[in-house]
Amino acid sequence: MKKILIMVSLLAVIFSCTKKTDQCVLKGEFGEGVIGKMSIYPYKVYSSWDEAKKYCVNCDILNGSFTKTIDSTIMMRTGSSFINDKHYNVKFFAEPGQINFSIVNEKLVASGTPLNDEYNALAKRLKIDEYSKLRYKHDLSKTDIAVKEAFMNNLWIEVAKNPKSFVLSSIFHSSFYGANLITLEKIINAFSPEIYNTYYLAELIKTRDSAKATAIGMEAPDFTLNTRDGNTVSLSDYKGKYLLIDFWASWCGPCRQMIPEVKKIYKAFHPQGLEVLNVSLDAKEKDWLKALDKEQMPWSQVRDTKKVSKMFNVTGIPDMFLIDKDGKILAKGIHGKAIWDELAKIGFVK
């Protein structure tokens, strides 16, 4: 069953201040008479797209140009523009200095600062645009497979040559979202410890540590969340019982499709001592409550308001964890028949 990446198209979160003198100036030049708009998306992750839009930086392109000063926190940013009614997206690094935007070979390009010039050179060598088009494609041709393999191979070659590259750490961070523990260790070890405290490496290290903490056989991290009625539910409440934790959301089609199967499991094994706990990743409480009213799931329901999914290193939903009577993780990432098989191993037989 496909997993839905837990993303709202905003991937980075950082909290820092910049001096007023460290200005990041965006300057676009597109030719006399050109009109349009440019939107720069926030680098924080917000609870919903509606909220994120409030923090977008917007500016008009008048008579072929625009100038805008934004936060110079050094992060990968995403820009979306309509120039003479044609849509362009661009990824660029906010950093102190003037970043120049122009159309090159039918692409919107940011240049003129060290990180952006490094990124443009890397993107050309790695053929990032070609790889990006194939990243989520399912039916790959031999040519497609070759492009993806070349991208990955060349990425490792680049980091071996430049293990202190902040730009490369950003590319690895986005390219290996949801990577397993072995791959995360390989990525981190490929970079110099001198940049471990920079944002993207620090995030990968946190993810690695979460993956270690939630490996099979480890004690599941305790948490406390509220039910729709305001009562609290803690993981420790289930000590002495087997527990199936289902991370889901109302907007997740595969999650909703799996609910009838979980109902069958609950009906078969709850009398034998199995408990189920649903942890919703819904940003909006009203969406969660509407789904609860429709689905009528007869076990405990809570909404993740404390980043519990991050504690469990959940990178896609639906995602299920089977917890034993001592609070240790028996299985994770299980769906469909795999749930029945794991339960059979510990004596739950229909």
Protein backbone atom coordinates (compact mmCIF):
# COMPACT_ATOMS: atom_id res chain seq x y z
CA MET A 1 0.00 0.00 0.00
CA LYS A 2 1.35 3.36 -0.97
CA LYS A 3 2.44 5.74 1.67
CA ILE A 4 1.67 9.39 1.54
CA LEU A 5 4.51 11.55 2.40
CA ILE A 6 3.85 13.72 5.27
CA MET A 7 4.49 16.96 3.52
CA VAL A 8 2.67 20.13 2.82
CA SER A 9 5.25 21.13 0.21
CA LEU A 10 7.17 22.99 2.97
CA LEU A 11 10.04 20.83 4.13
CA ALA A 12 12.29 22.95 6.45
CA VAL A 13 11.88 24.32 9.96
CA ILE A 14 14.37 26.60 11.70
CA PHE A 15 14.17 29.27 14.33
CA SER A 16 16.87 31.93 14.23
CA CYS A 17 17.35 35.67 14.03
CA THR A 18 19.38 37.65 11.56
CA LYS A 19 20.97 41.07 11.89
CA LYS A 20 19.41 43.91 9.99
CA THR A 21 22.66 44.40 8.12
CA ASP A 22 22.59 40.83 6.76
CA GLN A 23 20.01 41.56 4.11
CA CYS A 24 18.95 39.12 1.44
CA VAL A 25 17.87 41.16 -1.57
CA LEU A 26 15.95 39.47 -4.38
CA LYS A 27 16.17 41.26 -7.72
CA GLY A 28 14.47 40.12 -10.90
CA GLU A 29 15.09 41.41 -14.42
CA PHE A 30 12.93 39.98 -17.22
CA GLY A 31 12.80 42.61 -19.93
CA GLU A 32 10.89 45.80 -20.54
CA GLY A 33 7.11 45.51 -20.40
CA VAL A 34 7.03 42.12 -18.66
CA ILE A 35 4.49 41.82 -15.84
CA GLY A 36 3.81 39.13 -13.27
CA LYS A 37 3.97 38.07 -9.64
CA MET A 38 6.51 36.30 -7.45
CA SER A 39 5.71 34.38 -4.24
CA ILE A 40 8.39 33.11 -1.87
CA TYR A 41 7.19 30.32 0.40
CA PRO A 42 8.13 30.27 4.10
CA TYR A 43 10.90 28.01 5.30
CA LYS A 44 9.04 26.95 8.44
CA VAL A 45 6.59 24.07 8.43
CA TYR A 46 3.11 25.25 9.32
CA SER A 47 0.13 23.18 10.37
CA SER A 48 -1.79 23.83 7.16
CA TRP A 49 -1.38 25.33 3.73
CA ASP A 50 -3.84 28.09 4.62
CA GLU A 51 -1.63 29.12 7.53
CA ALA A 52 1.55 28.92 5.45
CA LYS A 53 0.10 31.23 2.81
CA LYS A 54 -0.16 33.98 5.41
CA TYR A 55 3.63 33.97 5.67
CA CYS A 56 4.39 33.93 1.95
CA VAL A 57 6.39 36.89 0.66
CA ASN A 58 4.63 38.28 -2.41
CA CYS A 59 5.73 40.93 -4.85
CA ASP A 60 4.64 42.29 -8.20
CA ILE A 61 6.78 42.24 -11.31
CA LEU A 62 6.22 45.61 -12.96
CA ASN A 63 7.75 46.65 -16.26
CA GLY A 64 10.04 43.62 -16.20
CA SER A 65 11.58 43.87 -12.75
CA PHE A 66 11.09 43.47 -9.01
CA THR A 67 13.16 44.01 -5.88
CA LYS A 68 12.34 42.49 -2.50
CA THR A 69 14.22 42.10 0.77
CA ILE A 70 13.56 38.90 2.72
CA ASP A 71 14.85 37.10 5.80
CA SER A 72 18.48 36.13 5.13
CA THR A 73 18.42 32.95 7.23
CA ILE A 74 20.50 30.55 5.15
CA MET A 75 17.97 28.01 3.94
CA MET A 76 16.68 26.52 0.73
CA ARG A 77 13.58 28.46 -0.32
CA THR A 78 10.98 27.86 -3.02
CA GLY A 79 9.66 30.57 -5.29
CA SER A 80 6.62 30.44 -7.54
CA SER A 81 6.05 33.03 -10.23
CA PHE A 82 3.78 33.96 -13.10
CA ILE A 83 5.68 35.95 -15.70
CA ASN A 84 3.58 37.07 -18.67
CA ASP A 85 1.05 34.41 -17.58
CA LYS A 86 3.63 31.61 -17.71
CA HIS A 87 4.27 29.68 -14.50
CA TYR A 88 7.79 29.07 -13.16
CA ASN A 89 9.09 27.45 -9.98
CA VAL A 90 12.56 28.01 -8.62
CA LYS A 91 14.57 26.69 -5.70
CA PHE A 92 17.20 28.99 -4.26
CA PHE A 93 19.18 29.63 -1.11
CA ALA A 94 18.34 32.69 0.93
CA GLU A 95 21.62 34.21 2.09
CA PRO A 96 23.06 37.68 2.65
CA GLY A 97 23.66 39.50 -0.63
CA GLN A 98 21.77 40.20 -3.84
CA ILE A 99 20.21 37.21 -5.60
CA ASN A 100 19.45 37.81 -9.26
CA PHE A 101 16.49 36.13 -10.95
CA SER A 102 16.27 35.70 -14.70
CA ILE A 103 14.83 33.37 -17.32
CA VAL A 104 17.50 31.10 -18.81
CA ASN A 105 16.54 28.42 -21.35
CA GLU A 106 12.89 28.66 -20.34
CA LYS A 107 13.79 28.25 -16.64
CA LEU A 108 13.66 30.71 -13.76
CA VAL A 109 17.17 30.79 -12.29
CA ALA A 110 18.58 32.41 -9.13
CA SER A 111 22.26 33.40 -9.20
CA GLY A 112 24.86 35.86 -8.00
CA THR A 113 25.54 34.56 -4.48
CA PRO A 114 27.94 31.79 -3.41
CA LEU A 115 25.41 29.13 -2.41
CA ASN A 116 23.14 29.72 -5.38
CA ASP A 117 26.02 29.59 -7.84
CA GLU A 118 27.22 26.36 -6.21
CA TYR A 119 23.70 24.92 -6.41
CA ASN A 120 23.34 25.83 -10.09
CA ALA A 121 26.64 24.14 -10.93
CA LEU A 122 25.67 21.02 -8.95
CA ALA A 123 22.21 20.92 -10.49
CA LYS A 124 23.77 20.91 -13.94
CA ARG A 125 26.29 18.16 -13.14
CA LEU A 126 23.72 16.01 -11.31
CA LYS A 127 20.93 16.69 -13.83
CA ILE A 128 18.57 17.47 -10.97
CA ASP A 129 15.76 18.60 -13.26
CA GLU A 130 15.72 15.25 -15.07
CA TYR A 131 15.82 13.34 -11.79
CA SER A 132 13.04 15.45 -10.23
CA LYS A 133 10.66 14.59 -13.05
CA LEU A 134 11.19 10.87 -12.39
CA ARG A 135 11.39 10.86 -8.62
CA TYR A 136 7.77 9.83 -8.01
CA LYS A 137 7.14 8.14 -11.33
CA HIS A 138 6.16 4.47 -10.97
CA ASP A 139 6.48 3.00 -14.47
CA LEU A 140 10.11 3.64 -15.29
CA SER A 141 11.74 2.91 -18.62
CA LYS A 142 15.33 1.68 -18.86
CA THR A 143 16.35 5.23 -19.66
CA ASP A 144 14.50 6.54 -16.58
CA ILE A 145 16.20 3.97 -14.35
CA ALA A 146 19.58 4.94 -15.75
CA VAL A 147 18.90 8.64 -15.01
CA LYS A 148 17.93 7.89 -11.40
CA GLU A 149 20.91 5.62 -10.83
CA ALA A 150 23.29 8.17 -12.34
CA PHE A 151 21.88 10.91 -10.09
CA MET A 152 22.39 8.82 -6.94
CA ASN A 153 25.86 7.64 -7.95
CA ASN A 154 27.00 11.14 -8.81
CA LEU A 155 25.56 12.53 -5.59
CA TRP A 156 27.85 10.24 -3.57
CA ILE A 157 30.79 11.19 -5.77
CA GLU A 158 30.10 14.90 -5.16
CA VAL A 159 29.96 14.57 -1.38
CA ALA A 160 33.19 12.56 -1.36
CA LYS A 161 34.84 15.53 -3.10
CA ASN A 162 33.18 18.19 -0.92
CA PRO A 163 32.08 16.82 2.47
CA LYS A 164 31.66 20.32 3.93
CA SER A 165 29.06 21.45 1.38
CA PHE A 166 25.94 22.94 2.92
CA VAL A 167 24.31 22.84 -0.53
CA LEU A 168 24.93 19.10 -0.85
CA SER A 169 23.52 18.53 2.64
CA SER A 170 20.30 20.21 1.46
CA ILE A 171 20.12 17.99 -1.64
CA PHE A 172 20.71 14.84 0.42
CA HIS A 173 18.08 15.96 2.94
CA SER A 174 15.41 16.30 0.27
CA SER A 175 16.50 13.31 -1.84
CA PHE A 176 16.56 10.80 1.01
CA TYR A 177 13.41 11.79 2.90
CA GLY A 178 12.20 8.66 4.71
CA ALA A 179 15.50 6.79 4.31
CA ASN A 180 16.22 3.76 6.49
CA LEU A 181 18.70 3.76 9.36
CA ILE A 182 21.57 2.25 7.35
CA THR A 183 21.24 4.90 4.63
CA LEU A 184 20.97 7.72 7.16
CA GLU A 185 24.19 6.55 8.84
CA LYS A 186 25.92 6.42 5.46
CA ILE A 187 24.81 9.97 4.60
CA ILE A 188 25.88 11.43 7.93
CA ASN A 189 29.27 9.70 7.81
CA ALA A 190 29.83 11.03 4.28
CA PHE A 191 29.84 14.62 5.56
CA SER A 192 32.44 16.35 7.67
CA PRO A 193 31.62 16.61 11.40
CA GLU A 194 32.43 20.31 11.00
CA ILE A 195 28.98 20.88 9.49
CA TYR A 196 26.97 18.52 11.71
CA ASN A 197 25.48 21.53 13.50
CA THR A 198 24.16 23.08 10.28
CA TYR A 199 20.45 22.75 9.64
CA TYR A 200 20.15 19.91 7.15
CA LEU A 201 22.77 17.67 8.77
CA ALA A 202 21.29 18.36 12.19
CA GLU A 203 17.87 17.30 10.89
CA LEU A 204 19.29 14.11 9.38
CA ILE A 205 21.03 13.34 12.67
CA LYS A 206 17.74 13.86 14.56
CA THR A 207 15.99 11.53 12.11
CA ARG A 208 18.77 8.96 12.52
CA ASP A 209 18.46 9.15 16.31
CA SER A 210 14.66 8.76 16.10
CA ALA A 211 15.09 5.75 13.83
CA LYS A 212 17.44 4.19 16.37
CA ALA A 213 15.09 4.95 19.26
CA THR A 214 12.15 3.34 17.45
CA ALA A 215 13.94 0.29 16.05
CA ILE A 216 12.28 -3.08 16.58
CA GLY A 217 13.01 -4.26 20.12
CA MET A 218 13.32 -0.74 21.54
CA GLU A 219 10.91 0.67 24.10
CA ALA A 220 8.39 2.90 22.34
CA PRO A 221 8.61 6.57 23.41
CA ASP A 222 5.82 7.49 25.80
CA PHE A 223 3.43 10.30 24.96
CA THR A 224 0.17 11.83 26.12
CA LEU A 225 -2.47 13.24 23.76
CA ASN A 226 -6.08 14.32 24.04
CA THR A 227 -9.20 12.57 22.78
CA ARG A 228 -12.02 14.52 21.15
CA ASP A 229 -13.67 14.82 24.57
CA GLY A 230 -10.59 16.34 26.18
CA ASN A 231 -9.56 13.22 28.06
CA THR A 232 -5.90 12.20 27.98
CA VAL A 233 -4.47 8.98 26.59
CA SER A 234 -0.87 7.94 27.25
CA LEU A 235 1.09 5.10 25.73
CA SER A 236 1.93 3.96 29.25
CA ASP A 237 -1.81 3.38 29.83
CA TYR A 238 -1.48 0.28 27.64
CA LYS A 239 1.29 -1.43 29.61
CA GLY A 240 0.36 -5.08 30.10
CA LYS A 241 -1.54 -5.20 26.78
CA TYR A 242 -0.64 -5.58 23.13
CA LEU A 243 -1.25 -2.36 21.22
CA LEU A 244 -1.55 -1.49 17.54
CA ILE A 245 -0.79 2.22 16.94
CA ASP A 246 -2.17 3.54 13.65
CA PHE A 247 -0.77 6.87 12.41
CA TRP A 248 -3.26 8.29 9.91
CA ALA A 249 -5.09 11.43 8.73
CA SER A 250 -8.51 12.25 7.33
CA TRP A 251 -6.95 13.41 4.04
CA CYS A 252 -4.98 10.18 3.55
CA GLY A 253 -6.85 7.95 1.10
CA PRO A 254 -4.90 4.74 1.86
CA CYS A 255 -5.42 5.37 5.59
CA ARG A 256 -9.19 5.56 5.17
CA GLN A 257 -9.17 2.48 2.91
CA MET A 258 -7.40 0.48 5.62
CA ILE A 259 -9.93 1.25 8.37
CA PRO A 260 -12.30 -1.64 7.49
CA GLU A 261 -9.35 -4.06 7.77
CA VAL A 262 -8.40 -2.66 11.18
CA LYS A 263 -12.02 -3.02 12.27
CA LYS A 264 -11.87 -6.73 11.36
CA ILE A 265 -8.64 -7.10 13.33
CA TYR A 266 -10.12 -5.29 16.33
CA LYS A 267 -13.29 -7.37 16.25
CA ALA A 268 -11.30 -10.60 16.04
CA PHE A 269 -8.63 -9.88 18.63
CA HIS A 270 -9.89 -7.22 21.07
CA PRO A 271 -11.61 -9.96 23.12
CA GLN A 272 -8.20 -11.64 23.30
CA GLY A 273 -6.55 -8.50 24.68
CA LEU A 274 -5.47 -6.46 21.65
CA GLU A 275 -5.92 -2.69 21.84
CA VAL A 276 -5.84 -0.16 18.99
CA LEU A 277 -4.96 3.53 19.19
CA ASN A 278 -5.32 5.91 16.25
CA VAL A 279 -3.04 8.95 16.16
CA SER A 280 -4.26 11.51 13.64
CA LEU A 281 -1.90 13.87 11.87
CA ASP A 282 -4.72 16.22 10.87
CA ALA A 283 -3.76 19.87 11.17
CA LYS A 284 -7.39 20.94 11.44
CA GLU A 285 -9.42 19.55 14.30
CA LYS A 286 -12.68 19.90 12.38
CA ASP A 287 -11.40 17.64 9.60
CA TRP A 288 -10.39 15.02 12.15
CA LEU A 289 -13.74 15.16 13.95
CA LYS A 290 -15.66 14.89 10.68
CA ALA A 291 -13.68 11.77 9.76
CA LEU A 292 -14.27 10.24 13.20
CA ASP A 293 -18.02 10.77 12.86
CA LYS A 294 -18.00 9.09 9.47
CA GLU A 295 -15.67 6.17 10.20
CA GLN A 296 -17.05 5.27 13.65
CA MET A 297 -13.91 3.48 14.87
CA PRO A 298 -14.62 1.76 18.20
CA TRP A 299 -11.17 2.30 19.76
CA SER A 300 -9.35 5.30 21.20
CA GLN A 301 -8.70 8.31 18.97
CA VAL A 302 -6.19 11.13 19.57
CA ARG A 303 -4.77 13.92 17.42
CA ASP A 304 -1.03 14.57 17.22
CA THR A 305 -0.51 18.06 18.61
CA LYS A 306 2.94 17.31 20.10
CA LYS A 307 4.92 15.93 17.14
CA VAL A 308 4.54 12.35 18.35
CA SER A 309 4.85 11.17 14.75
CA LYS A 310 8.34 12.70 14.67
CA MET A 311 9.23 10.84 17.88
CA PHE A 312 8.28 7.62 16.09
CA ASN A 313 10.13 8.68 12.91
CA VAL A 314 6.95 8.47 10.86
CA THR A 315 7.78 9.74 7.37
CA GLY A 316 4.65 8.50 5.60
CA ILE A 317 1.15 7.36 6.43
CA PRO A 318 -0.53 5.00 6.98
CA ASP A 319 2.10 3.70 9.37
CA MET A 320 1.45 1.11 12.06
CA PHE A 321 3.43 0.00 15.09
CA LEU A 322 2.78 -3.15 17.10
CA ILE A 323 3.74 -2.69 20.76
CA ASP A 324 4.12 -5.58 23.22
CA LYS A 325 2.95 -5.80 26.83
CA ASP A 326 6.21 -4.28 28.08
CA GLY A 327 5.92 -1.28 25.76
CA LYS A 328 8.54 -2.51 23.29
CA ILE A 329 8.20 -2.28 19.51
CA LEU A 330 7.50 -5.67 17.96
CA ALA A 331 6.86 -4.52 14.38
CA LYS A 332 6.46 -1.31 12.40
CA GLY A 333 5.48 -0.19 8.92
CA ILE A 334 3.00 -3.05 8.68
CA HIS A 335 -0.14 -3.06 6.53
CA GLY A 336 -2.85 -5.48 5.45
CA LYS A 337 -1.88 -9.15 5.68
CA ALA A 338 1.38 -8.25 7.43
CA ILE A 339 -0.62 -7.09 10.48
CA TRP A 340 -2.38 -10.46 10.72
CA ASP A 341 0.93 -12.28 10.29
CA GLU A 342 2.65 -10.28 13.05
CA LEU A 343 -0.27 -10.83 15.41
CA ALA A 344 -0.25 -14.56 14.67
CA LYS A 345 3.40 -14.69 15.76
CA ILE A 346 2.39 -13.63 19.26
CA GLY A 347 -0.65 -15.90 19.54
CA PHE A 348 -3.52 -13.90 18.09
CA VAL A 349 -5.20 -16.49 15.90
CA LYS A 350 -8.68 -16.05 14.49
